[in-house]
Amino acid sequence: MTIHRLTMHRTPPASLRVGPRHRRPTPAGSRASLADERGDVPGWVMITLMTAAIVVALWAVASDQIVQIFNNAMEPFLNRKL
């Protein structure tokens, strides 16, 4: 009796499989498999826009304090005599 190497590996149960369950495997080189490689671009765009909005909102509210903190932090380096 010969046991083939590939038959010794069992498929894990569906609860342990990695990835979304609604996707079906697609043949290599197909358009669907290329679209899956894109990643979550809309999510990253949303995170970037929200971060920029937070920075703009903080700058609008506390710009004087932010500039003062920066100037206080840089003062020891700018007033140094060489």
PDB file of N, CA and C in Angstrom:
ATOM      1  N   MET A   1       0.853  -1.177   0.000  1.00  0.00           N
ATOM      2  CA  MET A   1       0.000   0.000   0.000  1.00  0.00           C
ATOM      3  C   MET A   1       0.896   1.236   0.000  1.00  0.00           C
ATOM      4  N   THR A   2       0.649   2.146  -0.930  1.00  0.00           N
ATOM      5  CA  THR A   2       1.445   3.351  -1.053  1.00  0.00           C
ATOM      6  C   THR A   2       0.600   4.549  -0.631  1.00  0.00           C
ATOM      7  N   ILE A   3       1.162   5.359   0.243  1.00  0.00           N
ATOM      8  CA  ILE A   3       0.478   6.585   0.671  1.00  0.00           C
ATOM      9  C   ILE A   3       1.152   7.760  -0.017  1.00  0.00           C
ATOM     10  N   HIS A   4       0.367   8.497  -0.709  1.00  0.00           N
ATOM     11  CA  HIS A   4       0.901   9.665  -1.408  1.00  0.00           C
ATOM     12  C   HIS A   4       1.135  10.788  -0.403  1.00  0.00           C
ATOM     13  N   ARG A   5       2.197  11.586  -0.608  1.00  0.00           N
ATOM     14  CA  ARG A   5       2.530  12.670   0.320  1.00  0.00           C
ATOM     15  C   ARG A   5       1.391  13.662   0.504  1.00  0.00           C
ATOM     16  N   LEU A   6       0.698  13.972  -0.564  1.00  0.00           N
ATOM     17  CA  LEU A   6      -0.345  15.001  -0.487  1.00  0.00           C
ATOM     18  C   LEU A   6      -1.568  14.530   0.281  1.00  0.00           C
ATOM     19  N   THR A   7      -1.799  13.233   0.354  1.00  0.00           N
ATOM     20  CA  THR A   7      -2.987  12.750   1.060  1.00  0.00           C
ATOM     21  C   THR A   7      -2.808  12.800   2.570  1.00  0.00           C
ATOM     22  N   MET A   8      -1.599  13.022   3.050  1.00  0.00           N
ATOM     23  CA  MET A   8      -1.374  13.059   4.486  1.00  0.00           C
ATOM     24  C   MET A   8      -1.790  14.389   5.098  1.00  0.00           C
ATOM     25  N   HIS A   9      -1.985  15.423   4.291  1.00  0.00           N
ATOM     26  CA  HIS A   9      -2.385  16.739   4.786  1.00  0.00           C
ATOM     27  C   HIS A   9      -3.889  16.867   4.675  1.00  0.00           C
ATOM     28  N   ARG A  10      -4.518  17.131   5.789  1.00  0.00           N
ATOM     29  CA  ARG A  10      -5.958  17.307   5.795  1.00  0.00           C
ATOM     30  C   ARG A  10      -6.296  18.786   5.661  1.00  0.00           C
ATOM     31  N   THR A  11      -7.424  19.083   5.066  1.00  0.00           N
ATOM     32  CA  THR A  11      -7.908  20.450   4.960  1.00  0.00           C
ATOM     33  C   THR A  11      -8.450  20.870   6.316  1.00  0.00           C
ATOM     34  N   PRO A  12      -8.048  22.056   6.822  1.00  0.00           N
ATOM     35  CA  PRO A  12      -8.548  22.499   8.130  1.00  0.00           C
ATOM     36  C   PRO A  12     -10.041  22.788   8.059  1.00  0.00           C
ATOM     37  N   PRO A  13     -10.729  22.678   9.189  1.00  0.00           N
ATOM     38  CA  PRO A  13     -12.163  23.007   9.191  1.00  0.00           C
ATOM     39  C   PRO A  13     -12.375  24.469   8.806  1.00  0.00           C
ATOM     40  N   ALA A  14     -13.566  24.768   8.342  1.00  0.00           N
ATOM     41  CA  ALA A  14     -13.874  26.120   7.849  1.00  0.00           C
ATOM     42  C   ALA A  14     -13.640  27.178   8.914  1.00  0.00           C
ATOM     43  N   SER A  15     -13.813  26.835  10.191  1.00  0.00           N
ATOM     44  CA  SER A  15     -13.636  27.829  11.253  1.00  0.00           C
ATOM     45  C   SER A  15     -12.172  28.227  11.429  1.00  0.00           C
ATOM     46  N   LEU A  16     -11.231  27.406  10.948  1.00  0.00           N
ATOM     47  CA  LEU A  16      -9.816  27.719  11.096  1.00  0.00           C
ATOM     48  C   LEU A  16      -9.186  28.266   9.824  1.00  0.00           C
ATOM     49  N   ARG A  17      -9.933  28.316   8.761  1.00  0.00           N
ATOM     50  CA  ARG A  17      -9.379  28.819   7.505  1.00  0.00           C
ATOM     51  C   ARG A  17      -9.171  30.325   7.592  1.00  0.00           C
ATOM     52  N   VAL A  18      -8.134  30.787   6.933  1.00  0.00           N
ATOM     53  CA  VAL A  18      -7.793  32.213   6.947  1.00  0.00           C
ATOM     54  C   VAL A  18      -8.497  32.892   5.782  1.00  0.00           C
ATOM     55  N   GLY A  19      -8.993  34.096   6.029  1.00  0.00           N
ATOM     56  CA  GLY A  19      -9.584  34.899   4.961  1.00  0.00           C
ATOM     57  C   GLY A  19     -11.097  34.917   5.040  1.00  0.00           C
ATOM     58  N   PRO A  20     -11.688  35.830   4.295  1.00  0.00           N
ATOM     59  CA  PRO A  20     -13.149  35.947   4.300  1.00  0.00           C
ATOM     60  C   PRO A  20     -13.793  34.677   3.751  1.00  0.00           C
ATOM     61  N   ARG A  21     -14.909  34.309   4.311  1.00  0.00           N
ATOM     62  CA  ARG A  21     -15.574  33.073   3.889  1.00  0.00           C
ATOM     63  C   ARG A  21     -16.387  33.248   2.626  1.00  0.00           C
ATOM     64  N   HIS A  22     -16.696  34.466   2.243  1.00  0.00           N
ATOM     65  CA  HIS A  22     -17.543  34.664   1.076  1.00  0.00           C
ATOM     66  C   HIS A  22     -16.768  34.612  -0.234  1.00  0.00           C
ATOM     67  N   ARG A  23     -15.463  34.619  -0.187  1.00  0.00           N
ATOM     68  CA  ARG A  23     -14.670  34.558  -1.412  1.00  0.00           C
ATOM     69  C   ARG A  23     -14.403  33.115  -1.804  1.00  0.00           C
ATOM     70  N   ARG A  24     -14.493  32.873  -3.092  1.00  0.00           N
ATOM     71  CA  ARG A  24     -14.153  31.554  -3.602  1.00  0.00           C
ATOM     72  C   ARG A  24     -12.783  31.626  -4.250  1.00  0.00           C
ATOM     73  N   PRO A  25     -12.023  30.547  -4.221  1.00  0.00           N
ATOM     74  CA  PRO A  25     -10.716  30.563  -4.884  1.00  0.00           C
ATOM     75  C   PRO A  25     -10.888  30.818  -6.376  1.00  0.00           C
ATOM     76  N   THR A  26     -10.027  31.628  -6.930  1.00  0.00           N
ATOM     77  CA  THR A  26     -10.084  31.931  -8.359  1.00  0.00           C
ATOM     78  C   THR A  26      -8.818  31.430  -9.023  1.00  0.00           C
ATOM     79  N   PRO A  27      -8.904  31.084 -10.294  1.00  0.00           N
ATOM     80  CA  PRO A  27      -7.712  30.609 -10.988  1.00  0.00           C
ATOM     81  C   PRO A  27      -6.645  31.698 -11.045  1.00  0.00           C
ATOM     82  N   ALA A  28      -5.397  31.286 -11.014  1.00  0.00           N
ATOM     83  CA  ALA A  28      -4.291  32.247 -11.063  1.00  0.00           C
ATOM     84  C   ALA A  28      -4.344  33.019 -12.370  1.00  0.00           C
ATOM     85  N   GLY A  29      -4.093  34.322 -12.281  1.00  0.00           N
ATOM     86  CA  GLY A  29      -4.068  35.165 -13.469  1.00  0.00           C
ATOM     87  C   GLY A  29      -5.410  35.742 -13.849  1.00  0.00           C
ATOM     88  N   SER A  30      -6.466  35.356 -13.166  1.00  0.00           N
ATOM     89  CA  SER A  30      -7.768  35.900 -13.526  1.00  0.00           C
ATOM     90  C   SER A  30      -7.906  37.314 -12.973  1.00  0.00           C
ATOM     91  N   ARG A  31      -8.844  38.037 -13.495  1.00  0.00           N
ATOM     92  CA  ARG A  31      -9.057  39.421 -13.082  1.00  0.00           C
ATOM     93  C   ARG A  31      -9.478  39.512 -11.616  1.00  0.00           C
ATOM     94  N   ALA A  32     -10.272  38.551 -11.152  1.00  0.00           N
ATOM     95  CA  ALA A  32     -10.731  38.569  -9.765  1.00  0.00           C
ATOM     96  C   ALA A  32      -9.571  38.380  -8.800  1.00  0.00           C
ATOM     97  N   SER A  33      -8.612  37.509  -9.143  1.00  0.00           N
ATOM     98  CA  SER A  33      -7.490  37.297  -8.233  1.00  0.00           C
ATOM     99  C   SER A  33      -6.601  38.534  -8.173  1.00  0.00           C
ATOM    100  N   LEU A  34      -6.500  39.293  -9.265  1.00  0.00           N
ATOM    101  CA  LEU A  34      -5.716  40.528  -9.244  1.00  0.00           C
ATOM    102  C   LEU A  34      -6.404  41.604  -8.405  1.00  0.00           C
ATOM    103  N   ALA A  35      -7.726  41.644  -8.435  1.00  0.00           N
ATOM    104  CA  ALA A  35      -8.462  42.630  -7.646  1.00  0.00           C
ATOM    105  C   ALA A  35      -8.312  42.345  -6.162  1.00  0.00           C
ATOM    106  N   ASP A  36      -8.200  41.069  -5.778  1.00  0.00           N
ATOM    107  CA  ASP A  36      -8.038  40.726  -4.366  1.00  0.00           C
ATOM    108  C   ASP A  36      -6.693  41.197  -3.829  1.00  0.00           C
ATOM    109  N   GLU A  37      -5.698  41.362  -4.652  1.00  0.00           N
ATOM    110  CA  GLU A  37      -4.358  41.773  -4.226  1.00  0.00           C
ATOM    111  C   GLU A  37      -4.266  43.269  -3.953  1.00  0.00           C
ATOM    112  N   ARG A  38      -5.278  44.027  -4.284  1.00  0.00           N
ATOM    113  CA  ARG A  38      -5.268  45.474  -4.098  1.00  0.00           C
ATOM    114  C   ARG A  38      -5.202  45.883  -2.650  1.00  0.00           C
ATOM    115  N   GLY A  39      -5.812  45.148  -1.798  1.00  0.00           N
ATOM    116  CA  GLY A  39      -5.863  45.537  -0.399  1.00  0.00           C
ATOM    117  C   GLY A  39      -7.080  46.398  -0.123  1.00  0.00           C
ATOM    118  N   ASP A  40      -7.077  47.037   1.020  1.00  0.00           N
ATOM    119  CA  ASP A  40      -8.213  47.846   1.441  1.00  0.00           C
ATOM    120  C   ASP A  40      -7.916  49.316   1.190  1.00  0.00           C
ATOM    121  N   VAL A  41      -7.855  49.703  -0.084  1.00  0.00           N
ATOM    122  CA  VAL A  41      -7.509  51.081  -0.441  1.00  0.00           C
ATOM    123  C   VAL A  41      -8.519  52.083   0.107  1.00  0.00           C
ATOM    124  N   PRO A  42      -9.828  51.888  -0.038  1.00  0.00           N
ATOM    125  CA  PRO A  42     -10.767  52.879   0.510  1.00  0.00           C
ATOM    126  C   PRO A  42     -10.614  53.076   2.015  1.00  0.00           C
ATOM    127  N   GLY A  43     -10.288  52.039   2.738  1.00  0.00           N
ATOM    128  CA  GLY A  43     -10.086  52.173   4.177  1.00  0.00           C
ATOM    129  C   GLY A  43      -8.895  53.046   4.503  1.00  0.00           C
ATOM    130  N   TRP A  44      -7.785  52.855   3.781  1.00  0.00           N
ATOM    131  CA  TRP A  44      -6.588  53.666   4.026  1.00  0.00           C
ATOM    132  C   TRP A  44      -6.811  55.116   3.611  1.00  0.00           C
ATOM    133  N   VAL A  45      -7.568  55.327   2.555  1.00  0.00           N
ATOM    134  CA  VAL A  45      -7.875  56.699   2.138  1.00  0.00           C
ATOM    135  C   VAL A  45      -8.700  57.390   3.228  1.00  0.00           C
ATOM    136  N   MET A  46      -9.657  56.674   3.796  1.00  0.00           N
ATOM    137  CA  MET A  46     -10.493  57.246   4.859  1.00  0.00           C
ATOM    138  C   MET A  46      -9.655  57.573   6.094  1.00  0.00           C
ATOM    139  N   ILE A  47      -8.753  56.695   6.477  1.00  0.00           N
ATOM    140  CA  ILE A  47      -7.886  56.948   7.638  1.00  0.00           C
ATOM    141  C   ILE A  47      -7.022  58.173   7.391  1.00  0.00           C
ATOM    142  N   THR A  48      -6.464  58.292   6.183  1.00  0.00           N
ATOM    143  CA  THR A  48      -5.616  59.433   5.855  1.00  0.00           C
ATOM    144  C   THR A  48      -6.411  60.736   5.903  1.00  0.00           C
ATOM    145  N   LEU A  49      -7.597  60.744   5.334  1.00  0.00           N
ATOM    146  CA  LEU A  49      -8.422  61.957   5.346  1.00  0.00           C
ATOM    147  C   LEU A  49      -8.851  62.339   6.761  1.00  0.00           C
ATOM    148  N   MET A  50      -9.199  61.349   7.566  1.00  0.00           N
ATOM    149  CA  MET A  50      -9.602  61.648   8.935  1.00  0.00           C
ATOM    150  C   MET A  50      -8.433  62.190   9.754  1.00  0.00           C
ATOM    151  N   THR A  51      -7.230  61.651   9.534  1.00  0.00           N
ATOM    152  CA  THR A  51      -6.054  62.163  10.239  1.00  0.00           C
ATOM    153  C   THR A  51      -5.773  63.596   9.844  1.00  0.00           C
ATOM    154  N   ALA A  52      -5.859  63.887   8.551  1.00  0.00           N
ATOM    155  CA  ALA A  52      -5.644  65.260   8.086  1.00  0.00           C
ATOM    156  C   ALA A  52      -6.695  66.201   8.678  1.00  0.00           C
ATOM    157  N   ALA A  53      -7.933  65.756   8.779  1.00  0.00           N
ATOM    158  CA  ALA A  53      -8.986  66.593   9.353  1.00  0.00           C
ATOM    159  C   ALA A  53      -8.728  66.874  10.830  1.00  0.00           C
ATOM    160  N   ILE A  54      -8.241  65.875  11.567  1.00  0.00           N
ATOM    161  CA  ILE A  54      -7.916  66.083  12.979  1.00  0.00           C
ATOM    162  C   ILE A  54      -6.793  67.087  13.134  1.00  0.00           C
ATOM    163  N   VAL A  55      -5.762  66.988  12.291  1.00  0.00           N
ATOM    164  CA  VAL A  55      -4.637  67.925  12.360  1.00  0.00           C
ATOM    165  C   VAL A  55      -5.112  69.342  12.065  1.00  0.00           C
ATOM    166  N   VAL A  56      -5.931  69.508  11.037  1.00  0.00           N
ATOM    167  CA  VAL A  56      -6.441  70.844  10.685  1.00  0.00           C
ATOM    168  C   VAL A  56      -7.307  71.398  11.815  1.00  0.00           C
ATOM    169  N   ALA A  57      -8.154  70.557  12.406  1.00  0.00           N
ATOM    170  CA  ALA A  57      -9.018  71.024  13.504  1.00  0.00           C
ATOM    171  C   ALA A  57      -8.189  71.443  14.717  1.00  0.00           C
ATOM    172  N   LEU A  58      -7.181  70.642  15.073  1.00  0.00           N
ATOM    173  CA  LEU A  58      -6.324  71.010  16.207  1.00  0.00           C
ATOM    174  C   LEU A  58      -5.540  72.289  15.914  1.00  0.00           C
ATOM    175  N   TRP A  59      -5.049  72.421  14.707  1.00  0.00           N
ATOM    176  CA  TRP A  59      -4.284  73.621  14.347  1.00  0.00           C
ATOM    177  C   TRP A  59      -5.182  74.860  14.419  1.00  0.00           C
ATOM    178  N   ALA A  60      -6.440  74.731  13.975  1.00  0.00           N
ATOM    179  CA  ALA A  60      -7.360  75.873  14.005  1.00  0.00           C
ATOM    180  C   ALA A  60      -7.677  76.289  15.442  1.00  0.00           C
ATOM    181  N   VAL A  61      -7.774  75.333  16.346  1.00  0.00           N
ATOM    182  CA  VAL A  61      -8.147  75.635  17.724  1.00  0.00           C
ATOM    183  C   VAL A  61      -6.948  76.104  18.543  1.00  0.00           C
ATOM    184  N   ALA A  62      -5.796  75.469  18.358  1.00  0.00           N
ATOM    185  CA  ALA A  62      -4.677  75.709  19.267  1.00  0.00           C
ATOM    186  C   ALA A  62      -3.395  76.105  18.542  1.00  0.00           C
ATOM    187  N   SER A  63      -3.496  76.852  17.467  1.00  0.00           N
ATOM    188  CA  SER A  63      -2.296  77.193  16.692  1.00  0.00           C
ATOM    189  C   SER A  63      -1.295  78.022  17.506  1.00  0.00           C
ATOM    190  N   ASP A  64      -1.782  78.991  18.284  1.00  0.00           N
ATOM    191  CA  ASP A  64      -0.872  79.822  19.079  1.00  0.00           C
ATOM    192  C   ASP A  64      -0.108  78.986  20.111  1.00  0.00           C
ATOM    193  N   GLN A  65      -0.805  78.079  20.754  1.00  0.00           N
ATOM    194  CA  GLN A  65      -0.160  77.235  21.757  1.00  0.00           C
ATOM    195  C   GLN A  65       0.840  76.270  21.113  1.00  0.00           C
ATOM    196  N   ILE A  66       0.493  75.729  19.949  1.00  0.00           N
ATOM    197  CA  ILE A  66       1.396  74.802  19.259  1.00  0.00           C
ATOM    198  C   ILE A  66       2.673  75.521  18.842  1.00  0.00           C
ATOM    199  N   VAL A  67       2.541  76.741  18.306  1.00  0.00           N
ATOM    200  CA  VAL A  67       3.720  77.514  17.906  1.00  0.00           C
ATOM    201  C   VAL A  67       4.570  77.854  19.125  1.00  0.00           C
ATOM    202  N   GLN A  68       3.931  78.211  20.227  1.00  0.00           N
ATOM    203  CA  GLN A  68       4.670  78.532  21.452  1.00  0.00           C
ATOM    204  C   GLN A  68       5.415  77.311  21.983  1.00  0.00           C
ATOM    205  N   ILE A  69       4.783  76.156  21.976  1.00  0.00           N
ATOM    206  CA  ILE A  69       5.448  74.920  22.425  1.00  0.00           C
ATOM    207  C   ILE A  69       6.660  74.627  21.546  1.00  0.00           C
ATOM    208  N   PHE A  70       6.507  74.793  20.247  1.00  0.00           N
ATOM    209  CA  PHE A  70       7.624  74.552  19.329  1.00  0.00           C
ATOM    210  C   PHE A  70       8.760  75.538  19.584  1.00  0.00           C
ATOM    211  N   ASN A  71       8.430  76.803  19.735  1.00  0.00           N
ATOM    212  CA  ASN A  71       9.466  77.813  19.981  1.00  0.00           C
ATOM    213  C   ASN A  71      10.190  77.567  21.303  1.00  0.00           C
ATOM    214  N   ASN A  72       9.459  77.179  22.332  1.00  0.00           N
ATOM    215  CA  ASN A  72      10.081  76.864  23.621  1.00  0.00           C
ATOM    216  C   ASN A  72      11.010  75.657  23.507  1.00  0.00           C
ATOM    217  N   ALA A  73      10.614  74.674  22.725  1.00  0.00           N
ATOM    218  CA  ALA A  73      11.439  73.480  22.569  1.00  0.00           C
ATOM    219  C   ALA A  73      12.706  73.775  21.766  1.00  0.00           C
ATOM    220  N   MET A  74      12.627  74.675  20.801  1.00  0.00           N
ATOM    221  CA  MET A  74      13.781  74.965  19.933  1.00  0.00           C
ATOM    222  C   MET A  74      14.708  76.040  20.496  1.00  0.00           C
ATOM    223  N   GLU A  75      14.234  76.804  21.467  1.00  0.00           N
ATOM    224  CA  GLU A  75      15.016  77.924  22.005  1.00  0.00           C
ATOM    225  C   GLU A  75      16.411  77.518  22.496  1.00  0.00           C
ATOM    226  N   PRO A  76      16.579  76.432  23.233  1.00  0.00           N
ATOM    227  CA  PRO A  76      17.942  76.086  23.688  1.00  0.00           C
ATOM    228  C   PRO A  76      18.908  75.822  22.532  1.00  0.00           C
ATOM    229  N   PHE A  77      18.405  75.351  21.426  1.00  0.00           N
ATOM    230  CA  PHE A  77      19.281  75.029  20.287  1.00  0.00           C
ATOM    231  C   PHE A  77      19.574  76.260  19.432  1.00  0.00           C
ATOM    232  N   LEU A  78      18.620  77.185  19.357  1.00  0.00           N
ATOM    233  CA  LEU A  78      18.808  78.370  18.507  1.00  0.00           C
ATOM    234  C   LEU A  78      19.639  79.444  19.185  1.00  0.00           C
ATOM    235  N   ASN A  79      19.602  79.514  20.510  1.00  0.00           N
ATOM    236  CA  ASN A  79      20.360  80.542  21.247  1.00  0.00           C
ATOM    237  C   ASN A  79      21.754  80.056  21.654  1.00  0.00           C
ATOM    238  N   ARG A  80      22.141  78.924  21.199  1.00  0.00           N
ATOM    239  CA  ARG A  80      23.454  78.371  21.540  1.00  0.00           C
ATOM    240  C   ARG A  80      24.564  79.098  20.830  1.00  0.00           C
ATOM    241  N   LYS A  81      25.618  79.371  21.524  1.00  0.00           N
ATOM    242  CA  LYS A  81      26.770  80.010  20.897  1.00  0.00           C
ATOM    243  C   LYS A  81      27.784  78.951  20.519  1.00  0.00           C
ATOM    244  N   LEU A  82      28.259  79.029  19.291  1.00  0.00           N
ATOM    245  CA  LEU A  82      29.222  78.022  18.807  1.00  0.00           C
ATOM    246  C   LEU A  82      30.637  78.448  19.048  1.00  0.00           C
TER     247      LEU A  82
END
